[in-house]
Each structure stands twice: as structure tokens, then as C-alpha cells.
């Protein structure tokens, strides 16, 4: 359930973007939201991998 909490602000940000075609194109909001989501997923993955690597190094030593 915790991973989905990070997607809530991203979804809210994308859904509340102005819909005027000349002002803010739909793809612009989607690109920003997708970038934010991708960055968040990358940070989560990096933390998990670092945790696994540190625990493996601890058992090897």
C-alpha cells in the first residue's frame, strides 16, 4: 500500500493541470507527471538495492 501513496500527488498534479490547449498541452502535464513518477520509482529501487547490497556485504565480512 505504501508505494501507491507516492503516486497520489503525481496523479493529482496531472489531473489538475490546466486543460487549455494553447496554455498547457495535455502531453506536457503527462510528461511532467511521468517524469516525477519515474524519478520516484528510481529512488525507491536504488534504496532497495542499496539495502540488499549492504546486507550482503555485512554477511560476507
N, C-alpha and C. Protein backbone atom coordinates (compact mmCIF):
# COMPACT_ATOMS: atom_id res chain seq x y z
N UNK A 1 0.83 -1.21 0.00
CA UNK A 1 0.00 0.00 0.00
C UNK A 1 0.87 1.25 0.00
N UNK A 2 2.03 1.16 0.65
CA UNK A 2 2.89 2.34 0.75
C UNK A 2 3.34 2.87 -0.62
N UNK A 3 3.74 2.00 -1.57
CA UNK A 3 4.17 2.54 -2.87
C UNK A 3 3.11 3.37 -3.57
N UNK A 4 1.83 3.04 -3.38
CA UNK A 4 0.77 3.78 -4.07
C UNK A 4 0.61 5.18 -3.51
N UNK A 5 1.02 5.41 -2.26
CA UNK A 5 0.89 6.74 -1.67
C UNK A 5 1.75 7.75 -2.41
N UNK A 6 2.88 7.31 -2.96
CA UNK A 6 3.74 8.23 -3.70
C UNK A 6 3.14 8.65 -5.03
N UNK A 7 2.23 7.82 -5.58
CA UNK A 7 1.63 8.14 -6.87
C UNK A 7 0.46 9.10 -6.74
N UNK A 8 -0.08 9.26 -5.53
CA UNK A 8 -1.25 10.13 -5.34
C UNK A 8 -0.95 11.57 -5.72
N UNK A 9 0.13 12.21 -5.21
CA UNK A 9 0.40 13.59 -5.61
C UNK A 9 0.69 13.73 -7.10
N UNK A 10 1.29 12.70 -7.69
CA UNK A 10 1.58 12.75 -9.14
C UNK A 10 0.28 12.75 -9.92
N UNK A 11 -0.64 11.84 -9.55
CA UNK A 11 -1.94 11.79 -10.23
C UNK A 11 -2.70 13.10 -10.04
N UNK A 12 -2.67 13.65 -8.82
CA UNK A 12 -3.37 14.91 -8.55
C UNK A 12 -2.77 16.02 -9.40
N UNK A 13 -1.44 16.04 -9.52
CA UNK A 13 -0.76 17.07 -10.30
C UNK A 13 -1.16 17.00 -11.77
N UNK A 14 -1.21 15.77 -12.31
CA UNK A 14 -1.56 15.60 -13.73
C UNK A 14 -3.02 15.95 -13.96
N UNK A 15 -3.91 15.52 -13.06
CA UNK A 15 -5.34 15.72 -13.27
C UNK A 15 -5.73 17.19 -13.10
N UNK A 16 -4.99 17.95 -12.30
CA UNK A 16 -5.36 19.34 -12.05
C UNK A 16 -4.62 20.31 -12.98
N UNK A 17 -3.84 19.81 -13.93
CA UNK A 17 -3.18 20.70 -14.88
C UNK A 17 -4.23 21.40 -15.73
N UNK A 18 -3.98 22.68 -16.10
CA UNK A 18 -4.92 23.39 -16.96
C UNK A 18 -5.11 22.66 -18.29
N UNK A 19 -6.36 22.61 -18.76
CA UNK A 19 -6.66 21.85 -19.97
C UNK A 19 -6.68 22.71 -21.24
N UNK A 20 -6.38 24.00 -21.13
CA UNK A 20 -6.40 24.85 -22.32
C UNK A 20 -5.29 24.43 -23.28
N UNK A 21 -5.63 24.12 -24.54
CA UNK A 21 -4.64 23.55 -25.48
C UNK A 21 -3.47 24.48 -25.76
N UNK A 22 -3.72 25.79 -25.80
CA UNK A 22 -2.63 26.72 -26.09
C UNK A 22 -1.80 27.00 -24.84
N UNK A 23 -2.46 26.93 -23.67
CA UNK A 23 -1.79 27.26 -22.43
C UNK A 23 -0.89 26.11 -21.97
N UNK A 24 -1.51 24.95 -21.75
CA UNK A 24 -0.79 23.78 -21.28
C UNK A 24 -1.29 22.56 -22.05
N UNK A 25 -0.56 22.06 -23.02
CA UNK A 25 -0.98 20.86 -23.73
C UNK A 25 -1.07 19.67 -22.79
N UNK A 26 -1.95 18.72 -23.12
CA UNK A 26 -2.13 17.56 -22.26
C UNK A 26 -0.86 16.75 -22.11
N UNK A 27 -0.08 16.67 -23.20
CA UNK A 27 1.15 15.86 -23.13
C UNK A 27 2.17 16.49 -22.20
N UNK A 28 2.08 17.81 -22.00
CA UNK A 28 3.03 18.49 -21.12
C UNK A 28 2.84 18.04 -19.68
N UNK A 29 1.58 18.00 -19.24
CA UNK A 29 1.28 17.54 -17.89
C UNK A 29 1.62 16.07 -17.72
N UNK A 30 1.32 15.28 -18.75
CA UNK A 30 1.62 13.85 -18.69
C UNK A 30 3.14 13.62 -18.62
N UNK A 31 3.90 14.43 -19.34
CA UNK A 31 5.36 14.28 -19.33
C UNK A 31 5.92 14.62 -17.96
N UNK A 32 5.41 15.69 -17.35
CA UNK A 32 5.90 16.08 -16.02
C UNK A 32 5.52 15.01 -15.00
N UNK A 33 4.27 14.56 -15.06
CA UNK A 33 3.81 13.53 -14.13
C UNK A 33 4.60 12.24 -14.30
N UNK A 34 4.82 11.85 -15.55
CA UNK A 34 5.57 10.63 -15.81
C UNK A 34 7.01 10.74 -15.33
N UNK A 35 7.60 11.91 -15.51
CA UNK A 35 8.98 12.12 -15.06
C UNK A 35 9.07 12.04 -13.54
N UNK A 36 8.09 12.66 -12.86
CA UNK A 36 8.07 12.62 -11.40
C UNK A 36 7.91 11.18 -10.91
N UNK A 37 7.00 10.44 -11.56
CA UNK A 37 6.76 9.05 -11.16
C UNK A 37 8.00 8.19 -11.41
N UNK A 38 8.63 8.40 -12.58
CA UNK A 38 9.83 7.62 -12.91
C UNK A 38 10.96 7.90 -11.92
N UNK A 39 11.12 9.19 -11.57
CA UNK A 39 12.17 9.56 -10.61
C UNK A 39 11.90 8.92 -9.25
N UNK A 40 10.63 8.93 -8.82
CA UNK A 40 10.27 8.34 -7.53
C UNK A 40 10.55 6.84 -7.54
N UNK A 41 10.17 6.17 -8.64
CA UNK A 41 10.42 4.73 -8.73
C UNK A 41 11.91 4.43 -8.72
N UNK A 42 12.70 5.27 -9.41
CA UNK A 42 14.14 5.08 -9.45
C UNK A 42 14.75 5.21 -8.06
N UNK A 43 14.27 6.19 -7.29
CA UNK A 43 14.78 6.38 -5.92
C UNK A 43 14.42 5.18 -5.06
N UNK A 44 13.18 4.69 -5.18
CA UNK A 44 12.77 3.52 -4.40
C UNK A 44 13.64 2.30 -4.74
N UNK A 45 13.84 2.08 -6.03
CA UNK A 45 14.63 0.93 -6.48
C UNK A 45 16.07 1.04 -5.97
N UNK A 46 16.64 2.24 -6.04
CA UNK A 46 18.00 2.44 -5.58
C UNK A 46 18.13 2.16 -4.09
N UNK A 47 17.15 2.60 -3.31
CA UNK A 47 17.20 2.36 -1.86
C UNK A 47 17.13 0.87 -1.56
N UNK A 48 16.24 0.15 -2.27
CA UNK A 48 16.11 -1.29 -2.03
C UNK A 48 17.41 -2.00 -2.40
N UNK A 49 17.99 -1.65 -3.54
CA UNK A 49 19.24 -2.28 -3.98
C UNK A 49 20.37 -1.98 -3.01
N UNK A 50 20.45 -0.74 -2.54
CA UNK A 50 21.50 -0.38 -1.58
C UNK A 50 21.34 -1.15 -0.29
N UNK A 51 20.09 -1.35 0.15
CA UNK A 51 19.84 -2.09 1.37
C UNK A 51 20.29 -3.54 1.21
N UNK A 52 19.98 -4.13 0.03
CA UNK A 52 20.37 -5.52 -0.22
C UNK A 52 21.89 -5.65 -0.30
N UNK A 53 22.53 -4.71 -1.00
CA UNK A 53 23.98 -4.78 -1.14
C UNK A 53 24.68 -4.64 0.21
N UNK A 54 24.21 -3.72 1.04
CA UNK A 54 24.84 -3.51 2.34
C UNK A 54 24.65 -4.74 3.22
N UNK A 55 23.49 -5.38 3.15
CA UNK A 55 23.26 -6.58 3.97
C UNK A 55 24.12 -7.74 3.47
N UNK A 56 24.31 -7.84 2.15
CA UNK A 56 25.15 -8.92 1.60
C UNK A 56 26.61 -8.70 1.99
N UNK A 57 27.06 -7.47 1.93
CA UNK A 57 28.44 -7.18 2.29
C UNK A 57 28.68 -7.46 3.77
N UNK A 58 27.66 -7.19 4.59
CA UNK A 58 27.79 -7.46 6.02
C UNK A 58 27.93 -8.94 6.31
N UNK A 59 27.21 -9.79 5.55
CA UNK A 59 27.29 -11.24 5.80
C UNK A 59 28.60 -11.80 5.25
N UNK A 60 29.12 -11.21 4.15
CA UNK A 60 30.38 -11.71 3.58
C UNK A 60 31.54 -11.43 4.51
N UNK A 61 31.56 -10.26 5.12
CA UNK A 61 32.65 -9.91 6.03
C UNK A 61 32.45 -10.69 7.34
